[in-house]
């Protein structure tokens, strides 16, 4: 019973954390779409949503990936944008309405317990969400469960930490500044599925077929350090609260450390920081 309680408390903590940063994700929604444009395009190529399909986006945030899929399945297909945080789905719904996408609806859904019938979707999409759940194996089985026979899935996660200094440098520097590891022990972080072999095994053991994983370069470019800091500190999930809680002098010391660490990636146009995503595709 104690293990069940601990797992429940962890999930409640994570759900609350993502709810707390929903406003920032809404504020930066266009940037998030721009940052993820190449990943979105490749995921849609792999999942092949077509006219009449039902599409589910999990951990949708502001919903950019699902919104891009909506015209591909119109007029009779449907896209369900889902997230565990109601604030995120509200933002996604507003964006869909502003685009006039009548075939889009939203739902609050937990990746580990997808409250949808078996075999109810032709396509499942999840961009940078699977790595952040406490039990990704359970989530993968849920993705398989809701896919129709021959349905397609495309899932993106971040590659190895050392290939993604745009975020790894932040984690390393905050750890050095505070003396605490980032993310904290027991909290699933953005690099929890950085091993492509582990990702293939996870999806295959969930019952998905033809699993492939490819690496896609996704560098982060910013016109200045200030631009990088503003966006990253607002969107960095569990770190957002930590950074906001630091005294002003500690924040300034952290900024100085980060500015120095990122100077290696400075160009005449601004910062150009390497990044790599892993994109998995599979079928039911």
C-alpha atoms as a PDB file:
ATOM      1  CA  UNK A   1       0.000   0.000   0.000  1.00  0.00           C
ATOM      2  CA  UNK A   2       2.873   2.353   0.756  1.00  0.00           C
ATOM      3  CA  UNK A   3       4.262   1.923  -2.774  1.00  0.00           C
ATOM      4  CA  UNK A   4       0.833   2.697  -4.232  1.00  0.00           C
ATOM      5  CA  UNK A   5       0.569   5.844  -2.126  1.00  0.00           C
ATOM      6  CA  UNK A   6       4.040   7.010  -3.137  1.00  0.00           C
ATOM      7  CA  UNK A   7       3.250   6.446  -6.828  1.00  0.00           C
ATOM      8  CA  UNK A   8      -0.040   8.325  -6.459  1.00  0.00           C
ATOM      9  CA  UNK A   9       1.699  11.236  -4.738  1.00  0.00           C
ATOM     10  CA  UNK A  10       4.370  11.368  -7.456  1.00  0.00           C
ATOM     11  CA  UNK A  11       1.762  11.500 -10.202  1.00  0.00           C
ATOM     12  CA  UNK A  12      -0.196  14.188  -8.366  1.00  0.00           C
ATOM     13  CA  UNK A  13       3.007  16.209  -7.977  1.00  0.00           C
ATOM     14  CA  UNK A  14       3.862  15.910 -11.664  1.00  0.00           C
ATOM     15  CA  UNK A  15       0.340  16.794 -12.768  1.00  0.00           C
ATOM     16  CA  UNK A  16       0.398  19.874 -10.552  1.00  0.00           C
ATOM     17  CA  UNK A  17       3.813  20.864 -11.850  1.00  0.00           C
ATOM     18  CA  UNK A  18       2.682  20.850 -15.484  1.00  0.00           C
ATOM     19  CA  UNK A  19      -0.494  22.709 -14.570  1.00  0.00           C
ATOM     20  CA  UNK A  20       1.626  25.403 -12.913  1.00  0.00           C
ATOM     21  CA  UNK A  21       3.587  26.128 -16.116  1.00  0.00           C
ATOM     22  CA  UNK A  22       0.627  25.980 -18.523  1.00  0.00           C
ATOM     23  CA  UNK A  23       0.316  29.768 -18.756  1.00  0.00           C
ATOM     24  CA  UNK A  24       3.978  30.086 -19.764  1.00  0.00           C
ATOM     25  CA  UNK A  25       3.537  27.380 -22.390  1.00  0.00           C
ATOM     26  CA  UNK A  26       0.540  29.265 -23.746  1.00  0.00           C
ATOM     27  CA  UNK A  27       2.515  32.504 -23.856  1.00  0.00           C
ATOM     28  CA  UNK A  28       5.305  30.815 -25.818  1.00  0.00           C
ATOM     29  CA  UNK A  29       3.078  28.512 -27.916  1.00  0.00           C
ATOM     30  CA  UNK A  30       4.161  29.917 -31.269  1.00  0.00           C
ATOM     31  CA  UNK A  31       7.813  29.533 -30.296  1.00  0.00           C
ATOM     32  CA  UNK A  32       7.175  25.934 -29.178  1.00  0.00           C
ATOM     33  CA  UNK A  33       5.646  25.207 -32.599  1.00  0.00           C
ATOM     34  CA  UNK A  34       8.603  26.815 -34.346  1.00  0.00           C
ATOM     35  CA  UNK A  35      11.111  24.967 -32.144  1.00  0.00           C
ATOM     36  CA  UNK A  36       9.415  21.643 -32.860  1.00  0.00           C
ATOM     37  CA  UNK A  37       8.591  22.211 -36.536  1.00  0.00           C
ATOM     38  CA  UNK A  38      11.041  19.672 -37.964  1.00  0.00           C
ATOM     39  CA  UNK A  39      10.064  17.039 -35.403  1.00  0.00           C
ATOM     40  CA  UNK A  40       6.384  17.663 -36.142  1.00  0.00           C
ATOM     41  CA  UNK A  41       6.922  17.329 -39.877  1.00  0.00           C
ATOM     42  CA  UNK A  42       8.858  14.082 -39.519  1.00  0.00           C
ATOM     43  CA  UNK A  43       6.350  12.569 -37.080  1.00  0.00           C
ATOM     44  CA  UNK A  44       3.500  13.291 -39.488  1.00  0.00           C
ATOM     45  CA  UNK A  45       5.473  11.760 -42.358  1.00  0.00           C
ATOM     46  CA  UNK A  46       5.972   8.601 -40.328  1.00  0.00           C
ATOM     47  CA  UNK A  47       2.441   8.326 -38.915  1.00  0.00           C
ATOM     48  CA  UNK A  48       0.742   9.242 -42.220  1.00  0.00           C
ATOM     49  CA  UNK A  49      -2.570  10.658 -40.940  1.00  0.00           C
ATOM     50  CA  UNK A  50      -5.024  10.750 -43.840  1.00  0.00           C
ATOM     51  CA  UNK A  51      -8.550  11.924 -44.587  1.00  0.00           C
ATOM     52  CA  UNK A  52     -11.073  10.299 -42.270  1.00  0.00           C
ATOM     53  CA  UNK A  53      -8.578   9.136 -39.616  1.00  0.00           C
ATOM     54  CA  UNK A  54      -9.053   9.613 -35.886  1.00  0.00           C
ATOM     55  CA  UNK A  55      -5.867  11.035 -34.355  1.00  0.00           C
ATOM     56  CA  UNK A  56      -4.931  11.272 -30.673  1.00  0.00           C
ATOM     57  CA  UNK A  57      -2.181  13.586 -29.498  1.00  0.00           C
ATOM     58  CA  UNK A  58      -0.968  12.774 -25.996  1.00  0.00           C
ATOM     59  CA  UNK A  59       0.781  15.278 -23.694  1.00  0.00           C
ATOM     60  CA  UNK A  60      -0.204  17.907 -26.234  1.00  0.00           C
ATOM     61  CA  UNK A  61       0.807  21.053 -24.346  1.00  0.00           C
ATOM     62  CA  UNK A  62      -0.390  23.938 -26.557  1.00  0.00           C
ATOM     63  CA  UNK A  63      -1.351  21.358 -29.198  1.00  0.00           C
ATOM     64  CA  UNK A  64       0.843  22.335 -32.135  1.00  0.00           C
ATOM     65  CA  UNK A  65       1.442  18.797 -33.376  1.00  0.00           C
ATOM     66  CA  UNK A  66      -2.231  17.829 -33.376  1.00  0.00           C
ATOM     67  CA  UNK A  67      -3.218  21.146 -34.923  1.00  0.00           C
ATOM     68  CA  UNK A  68      -0.824  20.405 -37.788  1.00  0.00           C
ATOM     69  CA  UNK A  69      -2.476  16.991 -38.231  1.00  0.00           C
ATOM     70  CA  UNK A  70      -6.048  18.340 -38.298  1.00  0.00           C
ATOM     71  CA  UNK A  71      -6.114  19.543 -41.943  1.00  0.00           C
ATOM     72  CA  UNK A  72      -4.670  16.185 -43.062  1.00  0.00           C
ATOM     73  CA  UNK A  73      -7.664  14.225 -41.731  1.00  0.00           C
ATOM     74  CA  UNK A  74     -10.398  16.742 -42.654  1.00  0.00           C
ATOM     75  CA  UNK A  75     -13.216  16.944 -43.393  1.00  0.00           C
ATOM     76  CA  UNK A  76     -14.493  13.779 -41.734  1.00  0.00           C
ATOM     77  CA  UNK A  77     -11.511  12.816 -39.591  1.00  0.00           C
ATOM     78  CA  UNK A  78     -11.013  14.017 -36.028  1.00  0.00           C
ATOM     79  CA  UNK A  79      -8.098  15.057 -33.854  1.00  0.00           C
ATOM     80  CA  UNK A  80      -8.247  14.759 -30.068  1.00  0.00           C
ATOM     81  CA  UNK A  81      -5.733  16.978 -28.290  1.00  0.00           C
ATOM     82  CA  UNK A  82      -5.107  15.633 -24.794  1.00  0.00           C
ATOM     83  CA  UNK A  83      -3.007  16.513 -21.791  1.00  0.00           C
ATOM     84  CA  UNK A  84      -3.073  15.728 -18.097  1.00  0.00           C
ATOM     85  CA  UNK A  85      -3.160  19.464 -17.316  1.00  0.00           C
ATOM     86  CA  UNK A  86      -6.482  21.232 -17.888  1.00  0.00           C
ATOM     87  CA  UNK A  87      -4.630  24.496 -18.446  1.00  0.00           C
ATOM     88  CA  UNK A  88      -2.798  22.980 -21.392  1.00  0.00           C
ATOM     89  CA  UNK A  89      -5.946  21.617 -23.045  1.00  0.00           C
ATOM     90  CA  UNK A  90      -7.674  24.980 -22.581  1.00  0.00           C
ATOM     91  CA  UNK A  91      -4.840  26.672 -24.456  1.00  0.00           C
ATOM     92  CA  UNK A  92      -4.934  24.022 -27.182  1.00  0.00           C
ATOM     93  CA  UNK A  93      -8.706  24.408 -27.543  1.00  0.00           C
ATOM     94  CA  UNK A  94      -8.379  28.158 -27.897  1.00  0.00           C
ATOM     95  CA  UNK A  95      -5.725  27.817 -30.558  1.00  0.00           C
ATOM     96  CA  UNK A  96      -7.840  25.314 -32.499  1.00  0.00           C
ATOM     97  CA  UNK A  97     -10.815  27.678 -32.379  1.00  0.00           C
ATOM     98  CA  UNK A  98      -8.747  30.638 -33.552  1.00  0.00           C
ATOM     99  CA  UNK A  99      -7.613  28.564 -36.542  1.00  0.00           C
ATOM    100  CA  UNK A 100     -11.185  27.560 -37.362  1.00  0.00           C
ATOM    101  CA  UNK A 101     -10.430  23.847 -36.989  1.00  0.00           C
ATOM    102  CA  UNK A 102     -13.871  22.346 -36.473  1.00  0.00           C
ATOM    103  CA  UNK A 103     -12.555  18.763 -36.412  1.00  0.00           C
ATOM    104  CA  UNK A 104     -10.496  19.238 -33.235  1.00  0.00           C
ATOM    105  CA  UNK A 105     -11.604  18.588 -29.665  1.00  0.00           C
ATOM    106  CA  UNK A 106      -9.728  18.354 -26.372  1.00  0.00           C
ATOM    107  CA  UNK A 107      -9.700  15.970 -23.424  1.00  0.00           C
ATOM    108  CA  UNK A 108      -7.834  15.674 -20.148  1.00  0.00           C
ATOM    109  CA  UNK A 109      -6.112  12.302 -20.438  1.00  0.00           C
ATOM    110  CA  UNK A 110      -3.325  10.642 -18.485  1.00  0.00           C
ATOM    111  CA  UNK A 111      -0.726   8.948 -20.687  1.00  0.00           C
ATOM    112  CA  UNK A 112      -0.561   6.029 -18.268  1.00  0.00           C
ATOM    113  CA  UNK A 113      -4.357   5.606 -18.121  1.00  0.00           C
ATOM    114  CA  UNK A 114      -5.826   6.743 -21.423  1.00  0.00           C
ATOM    115  CA  UNK A 115      -9.565   7.017 -20.814  1.00  0.00           C
ATOM    116  CA  UNK A 116     -10.542   5.975 -24.328  1.00  0.00           C
ATOM    117  CA  UNK A 117     -11.926   2.656 -25.656  1.00  0.00           C
ATOM    118  CA  UNK A 118      -9.714  -0.064 -27.079  1.00  0.00           C
ATOM    119  CA  UNK A 119      -8.851   0.313 -30.773  1.00  0.00           C
ATOM    120  CA  UNK A 120     -10.387   3.762 -31.092  1.00  0.00           C
ATOM    121  CA  UNK A 121      -7.682   5.702 -33.007  1.00  0.00           C
ATOM    122  CA  UNK A 122      -5.929   5.308 -36.342  1.00  0.00           C
ATOM    123  CA  UNK A 123      -2.958   7.425 -35.267  1.00  0.00           C
ATOM    124  CA  UNK A 124      -1.397   8.232 -31.892  1.00  0.00           C
ATOM    125  CA  UNK A 125       1.152  11.033 -31.601  1.00  0.00           C
ATOM    126  CA  UNK A 126       3.248  11.987 -28.583  1.00  0.00           C
ATOM    127  CA  UNK A 127       5.969  14.616 -28.795  1.00  0.00           C
ATOM    128  CA  UNK A 128       8.243  14.882 -25.749  1.00  0.00           C
ATOM    129  CA  UNK A 129       5.772  13.369 -23.293  1.00  0.00           C
ATOM    130  CA  UNK A 130       6.504   9.651 -22.920  1.00  0.00           C
ATOM    131  CA  UNK A 131       9.849  10.332 -21.235  1.00  0.00           C
ATOM    132  CA  UNK A 132       8.193  12.365 -18.476  1.00  0.00           C
ATOM    133  CA  UNK A 133       5.788   9.786 -17.037  1.00  0.00           C
ATOM    134  CA  UNK A 134       6.631   7.616 -14.013  1.00  0.00           C
ATOM    135  CA  UNK A 135       5.852   4.361 -15.865  1.00  0.00           C
ATOM    136  CA  UNK A 136       6.626   4.678 -19.593  1.00  0.00           C
ATOM    137  CA  UNK A 137       6.131   0.923 -20.088  1.00  0.00           C
ATOM    138  CA  UNK A 138       2.530   1.243 -18.910  1.00  0.00           C
ATOM    139  CA  UNK A 139       2.054   4.314 -21.109  1.00  0.00           C
ATOM    140  CA  UNK A 140       3.404   2.429 -24.135  1.00  0.00           C
ATOM    141  CA  UNK A 141       0.937  -0.386 -23.523  1.00  0.00           C
ATOM    142  CA  UNK A 142      -1.868   2.166 -23.338  1.00  0.00           C
ATOM    143  CA  UNK A 143      -0.805   3.630 -26.685  1.00  0.00           C
ATOM    144  CA  UNK A 144      -0.927   0.147 -28.195  1.00  0.00           C
ATOM    145  CA  UNK A 145      -4.337  -0.534 -26.626  1.00  0.00           C
ATOM    146  CA  UNK A 146      -6.085   2.487 -28.147  1.00  0.00           C
ATOM    147  CA  UNK A 147      -4.655   1.935 -31.629  1.00  0.00           C
ATOM    148  CA  UNK A 148      -6.849   0.233 -34.216  1.00  0.00           C
ATOM    149  CA  UNK A 149      -5.417  -2.736 -36.143  1.00  0.00           C
ATOM    150  CA  UNK A 150      -2.706  -1.391 -38.471  1.00  0.00           C
ATOM    151  CA  UNK A 151      -2.886   1.958 -36.678  1.00  0.00           C
ATOM    152  CA  UNK A 152       0.292   4.033 -36.582  1.00  0.00           C
ATOM    153  CA  UNK A 153       2.189   5.699 -33.752  1.00  0.00           C
ATOM    154  CA  UNK A 154       4.918   8.337 -33.813  1.00  0.00           C
ATOM    155  CA  UNK A 155       6.670   9.249 -30.585  1.00  0.00           C
ATOM    156  CA  UNK A 156       9.458  11.778 -30.036  1.00  0.00           C
ATOM    157  CA  UNK A 157      11.768  12.013 -27.032  1.00  0.00           C
ATOM    158  CA  UNK A 158      15.034  13.819 -26.405  1.00  0.00           C
ATOM    159  CA  UNK A 159      18.258  12.037 -27.278  1.00  0.00           C
ATOM    160  CA  UNK A 160      21.230  11.685 -24.922  1.00  0.00           C
ATOM    161  CA  UNK A 161      21.896  14.516 -22.503  1.00  0.00           C
ATOM    162  CA  UNK A 162      25.363  15.151 -23.926  1.00  0.00           C
ATOM    163  CA  UNK A 163      23.796  15.658 -27.367  1.00  0.00           C
ATOM    164  CA  UNK A 164      21.436  18.298 -25.976  1.00  0.00           C
ATOM    165  CA  UNK A 165      23.524  20.940 -24.220  1.00  0.00           C
ATOM    166  CA  UNK A 166      20.728  23.501 -24.758  1.00  0.00           C
ATOM    167  CA  UNK A 167      19.114  21.838 -21.720  1.00  0.00           C
ATOM    168  CA  UNK A 168      21.914  19.698 -20.290  1.00  0.00           C
ATOM    169  CA  UNK A 169      24.009  22.795 -19.549  1.00  0.00           C
ATOM    170  CA  UNK A 170      21.096  24.263 -17.584  1.00  0.00           C
ATOM    171  CA  UNK A 171      20.679  21.077 -15.548  1.00  0.00           C
ATOM    172  CA  UNK A 172      24.413  20.827 -14.853  1.00  0.00           C
ATOM    173  CA  UNK A 173      24.692  24.464 -13.834  1.00  0.00           C
ATOM    174  CA  UNK A 174      21.649  24.434 -11.555  1.00  0.00           C
ATOM    175  CA  UNK A 175      22.974  21.258  -9.912  1.00  0.00           C
ATOM    176  CA  UNK A 176      26.343  22.935  -9.320  1.00  0.00           C
ATOM    177  CA  UNK A 177      24.675  26.090  -7.970  1.00  0.00           C
ATOM    178  CA  UNK A 178      22.205  24.390  -5.613  1.00  0.00           C
ATOM    179  CA  UNK A 179      24.116  21.232  -4.733  1.00  0.00           C
ATOM    180  CA  UNK A 180      21.093  19.108  -5.690  1.00  0.00           C
ATOM    181  CA  UNK A 181      20.783  16.836  -8.728  1.00  0.00           C
ATOM    182  CA  UNK A 182      18.509  17.925 -11.581  1.00  0.00           C
ATOM    183  CA  UNK A 183      16.059  16.372 -12.031  1.00  0.00           C
ATOM    184  CA  UNK A 184      15.679  15.192  -8.415  1.00  0.00           C
ATOM    185  CA  UNK A 185      15.867  11.442  -7.723  1.00  0.00           C
ATOM    186  CA  UNK A 186      12.622   9.672  -8.567  1.00  0.00           C
ATOM    187  CA  UNK A 187      11.414  12.368 -10.953  1.00  0.00           C
ATOM    188  CA  UNK A 188      11.332  11.301 -14.626  1.00  0.00           C
ATOM    189  CA  UNK A 189      13.363  13.787 -16.625  1.00  0.00           C
ATOM    190  CA  UNK A 190      13.620  14.734 -20.295  1.00  0.00           C
ATOM    191  CA  UNK A 191      16.526  12.331 -20.865  1.00  0.00           C
ATOM    192  CA  UNK A 192      14.951   9.277 -19.243  1.00  0.00           C
ATOM    193  CA  UNK A 193      14.476   7.582 -22.658  1.00  0.00           C
ATOM    194  CA  UNK A 194      17.680   8.837 -24.281  1.00  0.00           C
ATOM    195  CA  UNK A 195      18.813   5.293 -25.192  1.00  0.00           C
ATOM    196  CA  UNK A 196      17.365   4.356 -28.585  1.00  0.00           C
ATOM    197  CA  UNK A 197      17.704   0.624 -27.856  1.00  0.00           C
ATOM    198  CA  UNK A 198      15.708   1.060 -24.649  1.00  0.00           C
ATOM    199  CA  UNK A 199      13.041   2.939 -26.587  1.00  0.00           C
ATOM    200  CA  UNK A 200      12.776   0.185 -29.210  1.00  0.00           C
ATOM    201  CA  UNK A 201      12.492  -2.466 -26.497  1.00  0.00           C
ATOM    202  CA  UNK A 202       9.880  -0.503 -24.548  1.00  0.00           C
ATOM    203  CA  UNK A 203       7.599  -0.054 -27.562  1.00  0.00           C
ATOM    204  CA  UNK A 204       8.125  -3.583 -28.871  1.00  0.00           C
ATOM    205  CA  UNK A 205       7.341  -5.153 -25.508  1.00  0.00           C
ATOM    206  CA  UNK A 206       4.146  -3.086 -25.423  1.00  0.00           C
ATOM    207  CA  UNK A 207       3.006  -5.010 -28.512  1.00  0.00           C
ATOM    208  CA  UNK A 208       3.786  -2.464 -31.188  1.00  0.00           C
ATOM    209  CA  UNK A 209       5.206  -3.787 -34.453  1.00  0.00           C
ATOM    210  CA  UNK A 210       7.898  -2.612 -36.835  1.00  0.00           C
ATOM    211  CA  UNK A 211       9.432  -0.251 -34.300  1.00  0.00           C
ATOM    212  CA  UNK A 212      12.148   2.011 -35.687  1.00  0.00           C
ATOM    213  CA  UNK A 213      13.974   4.885 -34.041  1.00  0.00           C
ATOM    214  CA  UNK A 214      15.848   7.614 -35.870  1.00  0.00           C
ATOM    215  CA  UNK A 215      17.834  10.611 -34.659  1.00  0.00           C
ATOM    216  CA  UNK A 216      16.979  14.087 -35.901  1.00  0.00           C
ATOM    217  CA  UNK A 217      19.131  17.142 -35.336  1.00  0.00           C
ATOM    218  CA  UNK A 218      17.115  19.776 -33.479  1.00  0.00           C
ATOM    219  CA  UNK A 219      19.463  22.637 -32.580  1.00  0.00           C
ATOM    220  CA  UNK A 220      18.216  25.508 -30.477  1.00  0.00           C
ATOM    221  CA  UNK A 221      18.911  28.938 -31.890  1.00  0.00           C
ATOM    222  CA  UNK A 222      18.369  32.176 -30.006  1.00  0.00           C
ATOM    223  CA  UNK A 223      19.284  35.720 -30.929  1.00  0.00           C
ATOM    224  CA  UNK A 224      20.830  36.281 -27.494  1.00  0.00           C
ATOM    225  CA  UNK A 225      21.487  34.691 -24.125  1.00  0.00           C
ATOM    226  CA  UNK A 226      18.593  36.706 -22.692  1.00  0.00           C
ATOM    227  CA  UNK A 227      16.176  35.197 -25.209  1.00  0.00           C
ATOM    228  CA  UNK A 228      17.379  31.675 -24.376  1.00  0.00           C
ATOM    229  CA  UNK A 229      17.143  32.320 -20.634  1.00  0.00           C
ATOM    230  CA  UNK A 230      13.658  33.821 -20.756  1.00  0.00           C
ATOM    231  CA  UNK A 231      12.173  30.943 -22.709  1.00  0.00           C
ATOM    232  CA  UNK A 232      14.070  28.075 -21.139  1.00  0.00           C
ATOM    233  CA  UNK A 233      13.477  29.190 -17.554  1.00  0.00           C
ATOM    234  CA  UNK A 234       9.752  29.603 -18.265  1.00  0.00           C
ATOM    235  CA  UNK A 235       9.261  26.280 -20.048  1.00  0.00           C
ATOM    236  CA  UNK A 236      11.605  23.972 -18.148  1.00  0.00           C
ATOM    237  CA  UNK A 237       8.890  22.100 -16.254  1.00  0.00           C
ATOM    238  CA  UNK A 238      10.206  21.052 -12.827  1.00  0.00           C
ATOM    239  CA  UNK A 239      12.995  23.633 -13.022  1.00  0.00           C
ATOM    240  CA  UNK A 240      10.608  26.554 -13.473  1.00  0.00           C
ATOM    241  CA  UNK A 241       9.579  26.416  -9.807  1.00  0.00           C
ATOM    242  CA  UNK A 242      13.181  25.987  -8.622  1.00  0.00           C
ATOM    243  CA  UNK A 243      14.386  28.963 -10.628  1.00  0.00           C
ATOM    244  CA  UNK A 244      11.467  31.131  -9.524  1.00  0.00           C
ATOM    245  CA  UNK A 245      12.161  30.322  -5.860  1.00  0.00           C
ATOM    246  CA  UNK A 246      15.827  31.365  -5.919  1.00  0.00           C
ATOM    247  CA  UNK A 247      16.774  34.656  -4.218  1.00  0.00           C
ATOM    248  CA  UNK A 248      17.707  37.385  -6.659  1.00  0.00           C
ATOM    249  CA  UNK A 249      21.437  37.164  -5.911  1.00  0.00           C
ATOM    250  CA  UNK A 250      21.402  33.404  -6.489  1.00  0.00           C
ATOM    251  CA  UNK A 251      19.522  33.851  -9.748  1.00  0.00           C
ATOM    252  CA  UNK A 252      22.061  36.401 -10.937  1.00  0.00           C
ATOM    253  CA  UNK A 253      24.945  34.096 -10.010  1.00  0.00           C
ATOM    254  CA  UNK A 254      23.256  31.274 -11.912  1.00  0.00           C
ATOM    255  CA  UNK A 255      22.729  33.493 -14.954  1.00  0.00           C
ATOM    256  CA  UNK A 256      26.404  34.450 -14.918  1.00  0.00           C
ATOM    257  CA  UNK A 257      27.453  30.797 -14.799  1.00  0.00           C
ATOM    258  CA  UNK A 258      25.100  29.912 -17.624  1.00  0.00           C
ATOM    259  CA  UNK A 259      26.201  32.843 -19.767  1.00  0.00           C
ATOM    260  CA  UNK A 260      29.801  31.649 -19.463  1.00  0.00           C
ATOM    261  CA  UNK A 261      28.898  27.995 -20.134  1.00  0.00           C
ATOM    262  CA  UNK A 262      26.904  28.873 -23.257  1.00  0.00           C
ATOM    263  CA  UNK A 263      29.475  31.290 -24.647  1.00  0.00           C
ATOM    264  CA  UNK A 264      31.008  28.273 -26.412  1.00  0.00           C
ATOM    265  CA  UNK A 265      27.924  28.225 -28.689  1.00  0.00           C
ATOM    266  CA  UNK A 266      27.924  31.941 -29.491  1.00  0.00           C
ATOM    267  CA  UNK A 267      27.898  33.005 -33.144  1.00  0.00           C
ATOM    268  CA  UNK A 268      27.577  36.440 -34.794  1.00  0.00           C
ATOM    269  CA  UNK A 269      23.831  35.745 -35.105  1.00  0.00           C
ATOM    270  CA  UNK A 270      23.387  34.624 -31.481  1.00  0.00           C
ATOM    271  CA  UNK A 271      23.414  31.221 -29.804  1.00  0.00           C
ATOM    272  CA  UNK A 272      23.420  28.021 -31.879  1.00  0.00           C
ATOM    273  CA  UNK A 273      23.220  25.118 -29.420  1.00  0.00           C
ATOM    274  CA  UNK A 274      23.151  21.478 -30.553  1.00  0.00           C
ATOM    275  CA  UNK A 275      20.130  19.282 -29.934  1.00  0.00           C
ATOM    276  CA  UNK A 276      19.006  15.831 -31.028  1.00  0.00           C
ATOM    277  CA  UNK A 277      15.563  14.223 -30.885  1.00  0.00           C
ATOM    278  CA  UNK A 278      14.803  10.530 -31.189  1.00  0.00           C
ATOM    279  CA  UNK A 279      11.702   9.772 -33.231  1.00  0.00           C
ATOM    280  CA  UNK A 280      10.108   6.361 -32.971  1.00  0.00           C
ATOM    281  CA  UNK A 281       7.516   4.996 -35.340  1.00  0.00           C
ATOM    282  CA  UNK A 282       5.507   1.791 -35.084  1.00  0.00           C
ATOM    283  CA  UNK A 283       2.218   0.168 -36.008  1.00  0.00           C
ATOM    284  CA  UNK A 284      -0.374  -1.903 -34.191  1.00  0.00           C
END
